[in-house]
Amino acid sequence: MVAKLYVSYVADFIAVVLMIWQLFRMRNLPAQKGPLKQYFLRFSLVVFIISILHLLGSYAALQMGGMSAEDYGKLYDPNEPWVWVVAAAYIIDIFLTTVFLYMWISFLSWSLFEDRDFIRRKFWLGFTPLIISAVVTGVAIPMALLSEQGFVFYVVAVVVFFIIRILYFLFGLWLLREYKRQNGYLRFFNPWVFFIPVFAGFILQDVFELGFSALGATLGLVLIYSSITDEQNYMDYRTEFYTMKFVGYLKKLIDKKRYEPWSAMVFTLNSAGEMQKFSGLLKKQLPKNCEPILHGDHEIVVLTSVNERGPLSMVIEDVKAVAEVEADCCLRKKTETAVEFMERVL
């Protein structure tokens, strides 16, 4: 058990270091990504506290010579300070993990469906598990150390938390399934890099008594952040349009049958100096599922999945109504592949 605790201690230490790096890393997000930065700042702070609690709990258990789950029931001495630390760290950690998963579901609702209030409307599904877990947390810690019956309640609390976490996991998977059913492939958002390490961390801790829960949550947060912010590598920071590097990324999606352009709109400005102002106007007029790509210093090619001229002409007229710009559109030929079409218009 002492060996397991040392492994857990090292894992928790790595989690703390990674979270400090993540907090500094977020400073590089552009100002336009303010809401995303706020969400991940809250995520990071919660996981940072979880990591600190894990580290403290592992240290306390080592000071007691190593304890297994079977040993907890023998320790009813409220005068032993390390026992209090272990019990408090463990149960508060599970509560904060529940909060973390709730925040993940709220983030999914916002990032996938642009709905900040979804979870609030689903009150009994969203908030009730948090309310139950908060009450259980306050009662479970002292009861765990006062009597054998109190320890039984402590064990029941751990089981309740486990069930709540599973419910949140399943709810998160349901949200992802609904999005994929309605919108298809998730670009720059790989949920599995979050789910796999977080779930693996829970299993290693709850089943094998290895304290990897904090490290799993940390890795999940760091990797999903990297997945989302990877889009910045393909964007021009002034206009927030894609650069020509993005064309290579789209070709990879085409090879995987995850992207299929059928038309393009081309907007040409008189000079490059007008680009930043025009970008704001164009973004307001473009519908979803369009790929605005900077082609040179004063031309924008917008790839779309529309296969008729009518809708494209309407968008072009709307843009011309608010900006002086030359514009045209073209459709993909029946004999052209998606890659050949992109190479023609770009």
Protein backbone atom coordinates (compact mmCIF):
# COMPACT_ATOMS: atom_id res chain seq x y z
CA MET A 1 0.00 0.00 0.00
CA VAL A 2 2.91 2.36 0.74
CA ALA A 3 4.20 1.80 -2.81
CA LYS A 4 0.76 2.68 -4.21
CA LEU A 5 0.71 5.83 -2.11
CA TYR A 6 4.11 6.91 -3.40
CA VAL A 7 2.88 6.36 -6.98
CA SER A 8 -0.25 8.38 -6.16
CA TYR A 9 1.84 11.13 -4.58
CA VAL A 10 4.01 11.44 -7.70
CA ALA A 11 0.92 11.45 -9.96
CA ASP A 12 -0.66 14.19 -7.84
CA PHE A 13 2.54 16.24 -7.93
CA ILE A 14 2.62 15.97 -11.75
CA ALA A 15 -1.04 17.06 -11.84
CA VAL A 16 -0.26 20.18 -9.77
CA VAL A 17 2.66 21.11 -12.05
CA LEU A 18 0.56 20.55 -15.20
CA MET A 19 -2.24 22.75 -13.86
CA ILE A 20 0.18 25.58 -13.07
CA TRP A 21 1.45 25.30 -16.66
CA GLN A 22 -2.14 25.28 -17.96
CA LEU A 23 -3.02 28.46 -16.03
CA PHE A 24 -0.02 30.28 -17.53
CA ARG A 25 -0.75 28.82 -20.95
CA MET A 26 -4.22 30.37 -21.11
CA ARG A 27 -2.74 33.86 -21.09
CA ASN A 28 -1.91 33.38 -24.78
CA LEU A 29 -5.57 33.19 -25.81
CA PRO A 30 -6.58 36.23 -27.92
CA ALA A 31 -9.00 38.76 -26.46
CA GLN A 32 -11.76 37.55 -28.80
CA LYS A 33 -11.73 34.21 -26.94
CA GLY A 34 -12.73 35.81 -23.62
CA PRO A 35 -15.69 33.48 -22.86
CA LEU A 36 -13.60 30.40 -23.66
CA LYS A 37 -10.83 31.68 -21.40
CA GLN A 38 -13.30 32.24 -18.54
CA TYR A 39 -14.67 28.70 -18.82
CA PHE A 40 -11.23 27.12 -18.83
CA LEU A 41 -10.03 29.35 -16.00
CA ARG A 42 -12.84 27.99 -13.80
CA PHE A 43 -12.10 24.44 -14.96
CA SER A 44 -8.42 24.88 -14.21
CA LEU A 45 -8.95 26.34 -10.75
CA VAL A 46 -11.25 23.49 -9.74
CA VAL A 47 -8.83 20.85 -11.02
CA PHE A 48 -5.93 22.68 -9.36
CA ILE A 49 -7.71 22.48 -6.00
CA ILE A 50 -8.49 18.80 -6.65
CA SER A 51 -4.81 18.15 -7.34
CA ILE A 52 -3.74 19.95 -4.15
CA LEU A 53 -6.25 17.93 -2.11
CA HIS A 54 -5.00 14.69 -3.67
CA LEU A 55 -1.42 15.64 -2.89
CA LEU A 56 -2.34 16.50 0.70
CA GLY A 57 -4.34 13.30 1.14
CA SER A 58 -1.52 11.12 -0.20
CA TYR A 59 0.97 12.86 2.09
CA ALA A 60 -1.29 12.40 5.12
CA ALA A 61 -1.76 8.70 4.34
CA LEU A 62 2.02 8.28 4.05
CA GLN A 63 2.51 9.98 7.42
CA MET A 64 0.25 7.31 8.92
CA GLY A 65 2.42 4.57 7.45
CA GLY A 66 0.15 3.86 4.49
CA MET A 67 -3.58 3.12 4.59
CA SER A 68 -5.82 1.04 2.41
CA ALA A 69 -9.58 1.31 2.09
CA GLU A 70 -9.90 -1.59 4.54
CA ASP A 71 -7.96 0.39 7.17
CA TYR A 72 -10.35 3.32 7.18
CA GLY A 73 -12.95 1.50 9.23
CA LYS A 74 -10.52 0.92 12.09
CA LEU A 75 -9.69 4.58 12.55
CA TYR A 76 -12.30 6.26 14.73
CA ASP A 77 -9.90 8.38 16.74
CA PRO A 78 -10.93 12.04 16.26
CA ASN A 79 -7.72 13.10 18.03
CA GLU A 80 -5.57 11.79 15.16
CA PRO A 81 -5.16 14.84 12.85
CA TRP A 82 -3.91 12.88 9.82
CA VAL A 83 -7.09 10.78 9.84
CA TRP A 84 -9.14 13.95 9.52
CA VAL A 85 -6.94 15.14 6.66
CA VAL A 86 -7.28 11.84 4.77
CA ALA A 87 -11.07 11.67 5.23
CA ALA A 88 -11.63 15.34 4.35
CA ALA A 89 -9.30 15.28 1.34
CA TYR A 90 -10.95 12.16 -0.07
CA ILE A 91 -14.59 13.20 0.28
CA ILE A 92 -14.04 16.88 -0.71
CA ASP A 93 -12.06 15.68 -3.71
CA ILE A 94 -14.95 13.52 -4.90
CA PHE A 95 -17.37 16.41 -4.39
CA LEU A 96 -15.17 18.77 -6.43
CA THR A 97 -14.85 16.10 -9.12
CA THR A 98 -18.65 16.08 -9.30
CA VAL A 99 -18.57 19.88 -9.64
CA PHE A 100 -15.94 19.51 -12.37
CA LEU A 101 -18.15 17.14 -14.38
CA TYR A 102 -21.12 19.48 -13.94
CA MET A 103 -18.97 22.31 -15.32
CA TRP A 104 -18.01 20.06 -18.24
CA ILE A 105 -21.68 19.51 -19.10
CA SER A 106 -22.32 23.27 -18.90
CA PHE A 107 -19.34 23.84 -21.18
CA LEU A 108 -20.65 21.27 -23.68
CA SER A 109 -24.05 23.00 -23.70
CA TRP A 110 -22.39 26.33 -24.43
CA SER A 111 -19.69 25.27 -26.90
CA LEU A 112 -21.81 22.82 -28.92
CA PHE A 113 -25.29 24.35 -28.75
CA GLU A 114 -24.46 27.95 -27.70
CA ASP A 115 -26.91 27.48 -24.84
CA ARG A 116 -25.63 28.76 -21.49
CA ASP A 117 -28.89 28.04 -19.66
CA PHE A 118 -29.54 24.47 -20.84
CA ILE A 119 -28.40 22.83 -17.62
CA ARG A 120 -30.35 25.33 -15.50
CA ARG A 121 -33.54 24.47 -17.32
CA LYS A 122 -32.86 20.78 -16.64
CA PHE A 123 -32.85 21.54 -12.89
CA TRP A 124 -33.44 18.06 -11.52
CA LEU A 125 -30.96 16.54 -13.91
CA GLY A 126 -28.36 19.26 -13.50
CA PHE A 127 -28.42 20.75 -10.01
CA THR A 128 -29.94 18.05 -7.82
CA PRO A 129 -26.88 15.75 -7.86
CA LEU A 130 -24.76 18.74 -6.82
CA ILE A 131 -27.11 19.60 -3.96
CA ILE A 132 -27.13 16.00 -2.74
CA SER A 133 -23.37 15.70 -2.95
CA ALA A 134 -22.85 19.02 -1.08
CA VAL A 135 -25.05 17.84 1.81
CA VAL A 136 -23.40 14.43 1.89
CA THR A 137 -19.95 16.03 1.93
CA GLY A 138 -20.73 18.12 5.00
CA VAL A 139 -22.08 15.15 6.95
CA ALA A 140 -19.79 12.35 5.79
CA ILE A 141 -16.44 13.70 7.01
CA PRO A 142 -17.16 13.93 10.77
CA MET A 143 -19.32 10.79 10.77
CA ALA A 144 -16.52 8.76 9.21
CA LEU A 145 -14.36 9.22 12.33
CA LEU A 146 -16.87 9.02 15.15
CA SER A 147 -18.30 5.50 14.96
CA GLU A 148 -18.48 2.33 12.94
CA GLN A 149 -21.96 3.34 11.76
CA GLY A 150 -20.53 6.70 10.71
CA PHE A 151 -17.89 4.95 8.65
CA VAL A 152 -20.62 2.94 6.93
CA PHE A 153 -22.30 6.24 6.02
CA TYR A 154 -18.94 7.44 4.69
CA VAL A 155 -18.71 4.40 2.42
CA VAL A 156 -22.30 4.94 1.25
CA ALA A 157 -21.40 8.56 0.46
CA VAL A 158 -18.52 7.40 -1.72
CA VAL A 159 -20.90 5.09 -3.61
CA VAL A 160 -23.42 7.92 -4.06
CA PHE A 161 -20.71 10.16 -5.49
CA PHE A 162 -19.63 7.39 -7.84
CA ILE A 163 -23.20 7.02 -9.16
CA ILE A 164 -23.54 10.80 -9.60
CA ARG A 165 -20.31 10.95 -11.57
CA ILE A 166 -21.49 8.14 -13.84
CA LEU A 167 -24.76 10.03 -14.44
CA TYR A 168 -22.86 13.16 -15.44
CA PHE A 169 -20.62 11.11 -17.72
CA LEU A 170 -23.62 9.57 -19.44
CA PHE A 171 -25.33 12.94 -19.77
CA GLY A 172 -22.20 14.38 -21.38
CA LEU A 173 -22.09 11.49 -23.85
CA TRP A 174 -25.76 12.05 -24.67
CA LEU A 175 -25.08 15.73 -25.45
CA LEU A 176 -22.25 14.74 -27.80
CA ARG A 177 -24.44 12.14 -29.51
CA GLU A 178 -27.19 14.72 -30.02
CA TYR A 179 -24.76 17.21 -31.53
CA LYS A 180 -23.26 14.64 -33.86
CA ARG A 181 -26.73 13.50 -34.93
CA GLN A 182 -27.74 17.09 -35.75
CA ASN A 183 -24.49 18.52 -37.08
CA GLY A 184 -22.12 15.68 -37.93
CA TYR A 185 -18.36 15.74 -37.35
CA LEU A 186 -16.95 17.76 -34.45
CA ARG A 187 -14.12 19.86 -35.85
CA PHE A 188 -11.42 21.13 -33.44
CA PHE A 189 -13.23 19.45 -30.58
CA ASN A 190 -12.18 15.92 -29.72
CA PRO A 191 -14.23 14.90 -26.65
CA TRP A 192 -12.48 11.55 -26.29
CA VAL A 193 -9.22 13.21 -25.23
CA PHE A 194 -11.25 14.43 -22.24
CA PHE A 195 -13.42 11.42 -21.49
CA ILE A 196 -10.74 8.71 -21.72
CA PRO A 197 -8.14 10.13 -19.26
CA VAL A 198 -10.81 11.38 -16.82
CA PHE A 199 -12.67 8.06 -16.79
CA ALA A 200 -9.41 6.08 -16.61
CA GLY A 201 -8.33 8.18 -13.63
CA PHE A 202 -11.57 7.40 -11.80
CA ILE A 203 -11.26 3.68 -12.48
CA LEU A 204 -7.61 3.53 -11.35
CA GLN A 205 -8.50 5.34 -8.14
CA ASP A 206 -11.83 3.75 -7.25
CA VAL A 207 -11.03 0.18 -8.31
CA PHE A 208 -7.24 -0.18 -7.99
CA GLU A 209 -6.64 2.34 -5.16
CA LEU A 210 -4.18 4.34 -7.26
CA GLY A 211 -4.66 8.09 -6.88
CA PHE A 212 -4.82 8.99 -10.57
CA SER A 213 -8.14 10.84 -10.46
CA ALA A 214 -6.51 14.29 -10.27
CA LEU A 215 -3.99 13.47 -12.99
CA GLY A 216 -6.75 12.07 -15.22
CA ALA A 217 -8.84 15.24 -14.81
CA THR A 218 -5.75 17.37 -15.46
CA LEU A 219 -4.82 15.50 -18.64
CA GLY A 220 -8.43 15.64 -19.85
CA LEU A 221 -8.56 19.39 -19.34
CA VAL A 222 -5.15 20.05 -20.92
CA LEU A 223 -5.86 17.85 -23.95
CA ILE A 224 -9.37 19.18 -24.66
CA TYR A 225 -7.99 22.72 -24.37
CA SER A 226 -5.27 21.83 -26.90
CA SER A 227 -7.90 20.26 -29.17
CA ILE A 228 -10.05 23.39 -29.15
CA THR A 229 -7.27 25.97 -29.40
CA ASP A 230 -5.57 24.08 -32.22
CA GLU A 231 -7.86 26.08 -34.53
CA GLN A 232 -5.82 29.19 -33.69
CA ASN A 233 -2.88 27.70 -35.60
CA TYR A 234 -4.90 28.04 -38.83
CA MET A 235 -6.29 31.53 -38.23
CA ASP A 236 -5.19 35.07 -38.96
CA TYR A 237 -5.32 36.85 -35.59
CA ARG A 238 -6.39 40.21 -37.11
CA THR A 239 -9.40 39.01 -39.08
CA GLU A 240 -10.10 35.61 -37.46
CA PHE A 241 -10.33 34.15 -40.98
CA TYR A 242 -8.50 30.97 -41.86
CA THR A 243 -5.09 31.17 -43.55
CA MET A 244 -4.01 29.04 -46.49
CA LYS A 245 -2.58 26.49 -44.02
CA PHE A 246 -6.20 25.53 -43.37
CA VAL A 247 -6.52 24.13 -46.89
CA GLY A 248 -4.19 21.27 -45.98
CA TYR A 249 -6.33 20.51 -42.91
CA LEU A 250 -9.51 20.46 -45.04
CA LYS A 251 -7.90 18.06 -47.50
CA LYS A 252 -7.23 15.65 -44.63
CA LEU A 253 -10.91 15.89 -43.64
CA ILE A 254 -11.90 15.18 -47.25
CA ASP A 255 -9.72 12.07 -47.27
CA LYS A 256 -11.56 10.90 -44.12
CA LYS A 257 -14.93 11.76 -45.76
CA ARG A 258 -15.67 14.34 -43.07
CA TYR A 259 -15.86 17.39 -45.32
CA GLU A 260 -17.39 18.03 -48.77
CA PRO A 261 -17.31 21.56 -50.32
CA TRP A 262 -19.72 22.17 -53.20
CA SER A 263 -19.39 25.88 -53.86
CA ALA A 264 -17.40 28.99 -53.10
CA MET A 265 -17.93 32.74 -52.81
CA VAL A 266 -15.04 35.04 -53.67
CA PHE A 267 -14.81 38.57 -52.23
CA THR A 268 -12.15 40.94 -53.55
CA LEU A 269 -11.27 44.23 -51.85
CA ASN A 270 -9.64 47.29 -53.39
CA SER A 271 -6.74 47.17 -50.92
CA ALA A 272 -5.35 45.07 -48.08
CA GLY A 273 -5.95 47.95 -45.63
CA GLU A 274 -9.70 47.38 -45.83
CA MET A 275 -9.44 43.73 -44.80
CA GLN A 276 -9.78 44.04 -41.03
CA LYS A 277 -12.88 46.26 -41.19
CA PHE A 278 -14.45 44.10 -43.89
CA SER A 279 -13.84 40.89 -41.92
CA GLY A 280 -16.18 42.07 -39.17
CA LEU A 281 -18.91 42.89 -41.68
CA LEU A 282 -18.53 39.61 -43.55
CA LYS A 283 -18.67 37.43 -40.43
CA LYS A 284 -22.05 38.92 -39.54
CA GLN A 285 -23.47 37.98 -42.95
CA LEU A 286 -22.07 34.48 -43.37
CA PRO A 287 -24.23 31.53 -42.29
CA LYS A 288 -22.80 28.62 -40.34
CA ASN A 289 -20.74 25.87 -41.97
CA CYS A 290 -18.79 28.32 -44.12
CA GLU A 291 -14.99 28.38 -44.36
CA PRO A 292 -13.71 31.94 -44.99
CA ILE A 293 -10.07 31.62 -46.15
CA LEU A 294 -7.68 34.51 -46.78
CA HIS A 295 -6.39 34.17 -50.35
CA GLY A 296 -3.77 36.84 -50.77
CA ASP A 297 -3.84 40.14 -48.90
CA HIS A 298 -7.13 41.47 -50.29
CA GLU A 299 -9.20 38.42 -51.33
CA ILE A 300 -11.35 36.02 -49.32
CA VAL A 301 -12.59 32.67 -50.62
CA VAL A 302 -15.55 31.25 -48.68
CA LEU A 303 -16.06 27.51 -49.15
CA THR A 304 -19.61 26.24 -48.51
CA SER A 305 -21.64 23.05 -48.72
CA VAL A 306 -24.42 24.73 -50.75
CA ASN A 307 -24.88 23.30 -54.26
CA GLU A 308 -27.16 26.02 -55.71
CA ARG A 309 -26.43 29.59 -56.80
CA GLY A 310 -29.58 31.10 -55.28
CA PRO A 311 -28.56 31.09 -51.61
CA LEU A 312 -25.03 32.18 -52.50
CA SER A 313 -26.33 35.15 -54.51
CA MET A 314 -28.50 36.22 -51.57
CA VAL A 315 -25.51 36.23 -49.22
CA ILE A 316 -23.43 38.17 -51.76
CA GLU A 317 -26.15 40.82 -52.12
CA ASP A 318 -26.39 41.15 -48.33
CA VAL A 319 -22.62 41.66 -48.12
CA LYS A 320 -22.62 44.22 -50.95
CA ALA A 321 -25.35 46.13 -49.15
CA VAL A 322 -22.99 46.87 -46.24
CA ALA A 323 -19.59 47.00 -47.96
CA GLU A 324 -17.99 48.04 -51.25
CA VAL A 325 -16.52 44.81 -52.55
CA GLU A 326 -16.33 42.77 -55.73
CA ALA A 327 -17.97 39.37 -55.29
CA ASP A 328 -18.72 36.27 -57.30
CA CYS A 329 -19.61 32.64 -56.72
CA CYS A 330 -18.92 29.32 -58.41
CA LEU A 331 -20.21 25.78 -58.10
CA ARG A 332 -18.26 22.58 -58.14
CA LYS A 333 -18.44 20.73 -61.45
CA LYS A 334 -19.98 17.28 -61.55
CA THR A 335 -16.72 15.81 -62.79
CA GLU A 336 -14.60 17.51 -60.12
CA THR A 337 -13.50 15.95 -56.87
CA ALA A 338 -13.63 18.07 -53.71
CA VAL A 339 -9.84 18.49 -53.73
CA GLU A 340 -9.79 19.51 -57.40
CA PHE A 341 -12.51 22.09 -56.74
CA MET A 342 -10.58 23.58 -53.83
CA GLU A 343 -7.41 23.77 -55.92
CA ARG A 344 -9.36 25.55 -58.67
CA VAL A 345 -10.84 28.25 -56.45
CA LEU A 346 -7.78 28.62 -54.25
